[in-house]
Amino acid sequence: GIVFDSGSASLKSESFAVLKEMAAVLSENPGVKVHIIGHTDSDGDASLNQSLSQKRAEAVKSALSGQFGIDSARMTT
């Protein structure tokens, strides 16, 4: 899966294989658009968790765009 350190929006290196697979599918299907949703655990303040969830979704979008060349206009968070 796509994983992060606790309390962080930085992608862990073990996420690379899943991101690579996602990018391959998106490259093979240029008409497909995706909506990326981030999640956290329920510990801590709900508003901080919501913000972290959004940052995680943005990190995935950024990686797919920056590292794999997927058009960011095809992705929403």
N, C-alpha and C. Protein backbone atom coordinates (compact mmCIF):
# COMPACT_ATOMS: atom_id res chain seq x y z
N GLY A 1 0.81 -1.18 0.00
CA GLY A 1 0.00 0.00 0.00
C GLY A 1 0.85 1.25 0.00
N ILE A 2 0.20 2.34 0.06
CA ILE A 2 0.86 3.64 0.15
C ILE A 2 0.90 4.00 1.63
N VAL A 3 2.11 4.19 2.14
CA VAL A 3 2.26 4.38 3.58
C VAL A 3 3.07 5.64 3.89
N PHE A 4 2.81 6.14 5.09
CA PHE A 4 3.44 7.36 5.60
C PHE A 4 3.90 7.10 7.03
N ASP A 5 4.87 7.87 7.49
CA ASP A 5 5.22 7.84 8.91
C ASP A 5 4.05 8.42 9.69
N SER A 6 3.92 8.01 10.93
CA SER A 6 2.85 8.52 11.79
C SER A 6 2.93 10.03 11.88
N GLY A 7 1.81 10.70 11.64
CA GLY A 7 1.75 12.15 11.74
C GLY A 7 2.42 12.89 10.61
N SER A 8 2.74 12.20 9.50
CA SER A 8 3.50 12.81 8.42
C SER A 8 2.79 12.62 7.08
N ALA A 9 3.09 13.53 6.15
CA ALA A 9 2.58 13.41 4.79
C ALA A 9 3.70 13.04 3.82
N SER A 10 4.86 12.63 4.36
CA SER A 10 5.97 12.21 3.51
C SER A 10 5.80 10.74 3.17
N LEU A 11 5.81 10.44 1.87
CA LEU A 11 5.66 9.06 1.42
C LEU A 11 6.86 8.23 1.84
N LYS A 12 6.61 7.03 2.31
CA LYS A 12 7.70 6.12 2.64
C LYS A 12 8.14 5.42 1.35
N SER A 13 9.40 5.03 1.31
CA SER A 13 9.97 4.43 0.09
C SER A 13 9.25 3.16 -0.33
N GLU A 14 8.66 2.44 0.60
CA GLU A 14 7.96 1.21 0.24
C GLU A 14 6.66 1.47 -0.52
N SER A 15 6.28 2.73 -0.65
CA SER A 15 5.10 3.10 -1.43
C SER A 15 5.39 3.15 -2.93
N PHE A 16 6.67 3.17 -3.30
CA PHE A 16 7.07 3.36 -4.69
C PHE A 16 6.45 2.33 -5.63
N ALA A 17 6.44 1.07 -5.23
CA ALA A 17 5.92 0.01 -6.12
C ALA A 17 4.44 0.23 -6.44
N VAL A 18 3.66 0.61 -5.45
CA VAL A 18 2.23 0.84 -5.68
C VAL A 18 2.03 2.08 -6.56
N LEU A 19 2.79 3.13 -6.29
CA LEU A 19 2.69 4.34 -7.11
C LEU A 19 3.08 4.03 -8.56
N LYS A 20 4.10 3.21 -8.74
CA LYS A 20 4.53 2.82 -10.09
C LYS A 20 3.42 2.07 -10.82
N GLU A 21 2.75 1.16 -10.11
CA GLU A 21 1.64 0.42 -10.70
C GLU A 21 0.49 1.36 -11.07
N MET A 22 0.17 2.27 -10.18
CA MET A 22 -0.89 3.24 -10.45
C MET A 22 -0.54 4.08 -11.68
N ALA A 23 0.69 4.54 -11.76
CA ALA A 23 1.13 5.35 -12.89
C ALA A 23 1.06 4.57 -14.19
N ALA A 24 1.39 3.28 -14.15
CA ALA A 24 1.32 2.45 -15.36
C ALA A 24 -0.12 2.35 -15.85
N VAL A 25 -1.05 2.12 -14.94
CA VAL A 25 -2.46 2.03 -15.31
C VAL A 25 -2.95 3.35 -15.88
N LEU A 26 -2.58 4.45 -15.24
CA LEU A 26 -2.99 5.77 -15.72
C LEU A 26 -2.37 6.08 -17.08
N SER A 27 -1.13 5.67 -17.29
CA SER A 27 -0.47 5.90 -18.58
C SER A 27 -1.15 5.10 -19.69
N GLU A 28 -1.56 3.90 -19.37
CA GLU A 28 -2.23 3.03 -20.35
C GLU A 28 -3.66 3.48 -20.65
N ASN A 29 -4.22 4.30 -19.78
CA ASN A 29 -5.60 4.75 -19.91
C ASN A 29 -5.66 6.27 -19.78
N PRO A 30 -5.22 6.99 -20.82
CA PRO A 30 -5.08 8.45 -20.73
C PRO A 30 -6.39 9.20 -20.52
N GLY A 31 -7.53 8.58 -20.74
CA GLY A 31 -8.80 9.25 -20.53
C GLY A 31 -9.33 9.14 -19.11
N VAL A 32 -8.65 8.34 -18.30
CA VAL A 32 -9.11 8.12 -16.92
C VAL A 32 -8.67 9.26 -16.02
N LYS A 33 -9.61 9.73 -15.20
CA LYS A 33 -9.31 10.72 -14.16
C LYS A 33 -9.55 10.05 -12.82
N VAL A 34 -8.79 10.43 -11.81
CA VAL A 34 -8.92 9.81 -10.50
C VAL A 34 -9.09 10.86 -9.40
N HIS A 35 -9.75 10.44 -8.34
CA HIS A 35 -9.89 11.26 -7.14
C HIS A 35 -9.11 10.55 -6.04
N ILE A 36 -8.14 11.21 -5.46
CA ILE A 36 -7.26 10.63 -4.45
C ILE A 36 -7.72 11.09 -3.07
N ILE A 37 -7.88 10.13 -2.18
CA ILE A 37 -8.32 10.41 -0.82
C ILE A 37 -7.25 9.93 0.15
N GLY A 38 -6.87 10.78 1.09
CA GLY A 38 -5.92 10.41 2.12
C GLY A 38 -6.63 10.09 3.41
N HIS A 39 -5.99 9.28 4.24
CA HIS A 39 -6.58 8.87 5.52
C HIS A 39 -5.55 8.97 6.63
N THR A 40 -6.04 9.07 7.85
CA THR A 40 -5.21 9.00 9.06
C THR A 40 -5.91 8.07 10.04
N ASP A 41 -5.27 7.84 11.16
CA ASP A 41 -5.97 7.12 12.23
C ASP A 41 -6.85 8.13 12.97
N SER A 42 -7.55 7.69 13.97
CA SER A 42 -8.48 8.58 14.68
C SER A 42 -7.86 9.22 15.92
N ASP A 43 -6.57 9.00 16.16
CA ASP A 43 -5.91 9.60 17.31
C ASP A 43 -5.73 11.10 17.09
N GLY A 44 -5.86 11.88 18.13
CA GLY A 44 -5.59 13.30 18.06
C GLY A 44 -6.78 14.13 17.61
N ASP A 45 -6.48 15.38 17.33
CA ASP A 45 -7.49 16.38 16.97
C ASP A 45 -8.06 16.10 15.57
N ALA A 46 -9.37 16.11 15.46
CA ALA A 46 -10.04 15.79 14.20
C ALA A 46 -9.66 16.77 13.09
N SER A 47 -9.55 18.05 13.39
CA SER A 47 -9.22 19.03 12.34
C SER A 47 -7.78 18.85 11.86
N LEU A 48 -6.88 18.50 12.77
CA LEU A 48 -5.49 18.23 12.36
C LEU A 48 -5.42 16.97 11.51
N ASN A 49 -6.21 15.96 11.87
CA ASN A 49 -6.24 14.73 11.07
C ASN A 49 -6.81 15.00 9.68
N GLN A 50 -7.82 15.85 9.59
CA GLN A 50 -8.38 16.19 8.27
C GLN A 50 -7.33 16.87 7.41
N SER A 51 -6.60 17.79 8.00
CA SER A 51 -5.54 18.49 7.27
C SER A 51 -4.46 17.52 6.81
N LEU A 52 -4.07 16.60 7.69
CA LEU A 52 -3.06 15.60 7.34
C LEU A 52 -3.55 14.68 6.24
N SER A 53 -4.82 14.30 6.30
CA SER A 53 -5.40 13.46 5.25
C SER A 53 -5.29 14.15 3.89
N GLN A 54 -5.60 15.43 3.86
CA GLN A 54 -5.52 16.20 2.61
C GLN A 54 -4.08 16.29 2.12
N LYS A 55 -3.15 16.53 3.04
CA LYS A 55 -1.73 16.62 2.68
C LYS A 55 -1.23 15.28 2.12
N ARG A 56 -1.70 14.19 2.66
CA ARG A 56 -1.30 12.87 2.16
C ARG A 56 -1.82 12.64 0.75
N ALA A 57 -3.05 13.02 0.51
CA ALA A 57 -3.61 12.88 -0.83
C ALA A 57 -2.82 13.74 -1.82
N GLU A 58 -2.47 14.95 -1.41
CA GLU A 58 -1.67 15.83 -2.26
C GLU A 58 -0.28 15.26 -2.52
N ALA A 59 0.29 14.58 -1.53
CA ALA A 59 1.61 13.97 -1.70
C ALA A 59 1.56 12.87 -2.76
N VAL A 60 0.49 12.09 -2.77
CA VAL A 60 0.33 11.03 -3.77
C VAL A 60 0.18 11.66 -5.16
N LYS A 61 -0.64 12.69 -5.25
CA LYS A 61 -0.83 13.39 -6.53
C LYS A 61 0.50 13.96 -7.02
N SER A 62 1.22 14.57 -6.13
CA SER A 62 2.50 15.17 -6.49
C SER A 62 3.50 14.12 -6.98
N ALA A 63 3.53 12.98 -6.32
CA ALA A 63 4.45 11.91 -6.73
C ALA A 63 4.07 11.36 -8.10
N LEU A 64 2.79 11.14 -8.32
CA LEU A 64 2.35 10.62 -9.62
C LEU A 64 2.66 11.61 -10.73
N SER A 65 2.51 12.87 -10.45
CA SER A 65 2.79 13.90 -11.45
C SER A 65 4.29 14.11 -11.62
N GLY A 66 4.98 14.35 -10.53
CA GLY A 66 6.40 14.70 -10.58
C GLY A 66 7.33 13.56 -10.93
N GLN A 67 7.10 12.39 -10.36
CA GLN A 67 8.00 11.26 -10.57
C GLN A 67 7.61 10.38 -11.75
N PHE A 68 6.32 10.39 -12.11
CA PHE A 68 5.86 9.47 -13.14
C PHE A 68 5.23 10.17 -14.35
N GLY A 69 5.16 11.49 -14.33
CA GLY A 69 4.70 12.24 -15.48
C GLY A 69 3.21 12.19 -15.77
N ILE A 70 2.42 11.84 -14.76
CA ILE A 70 0.97 11.84 -14.94
C ILE A 70 0.46 13.28 -14.84
N ASP A 71 -0.34 13.70 -15.80
CA ASP A 71 -0.86 15.07 -15.83
C ASP A 71 -1.68 15.34 -14.57
N SER A 72 -1.30 16.32 -13.81
CA SER A 72 -1.98 16.62 -12.55
C SER A 72 -3.43 17.02 -12.76
N ALA A 73 -3.78 17.47 -13.96
CA ALA A 73 -5.16 17.84 -14.25
C ALA A 73 -6.09 16.62 -14.25
N ARG A 74 -5.52 15.44 -14.33
CA ARG A 74 -6.30 14.20 -14.32
C ARG A 74 -6.60 13.73 -12.91
N MET A 75 -6.05 14.42 -11.91
CA MET A 75 -6.17 13.97 -10.53
C MET A 75 -6.75 15.08 -9.66
N THR A 76 -7.70 14.71 -8.81
CA THR A 76 -8.21 15.63 -7.80
C THR A 76 -7.98 14.99 -6.44
N THR A 77 -7.96 15.84 -5.42
CA THR A 77 -7.77 15.32 -4.06
C THR A 77 -8.90 15.80 -3.19
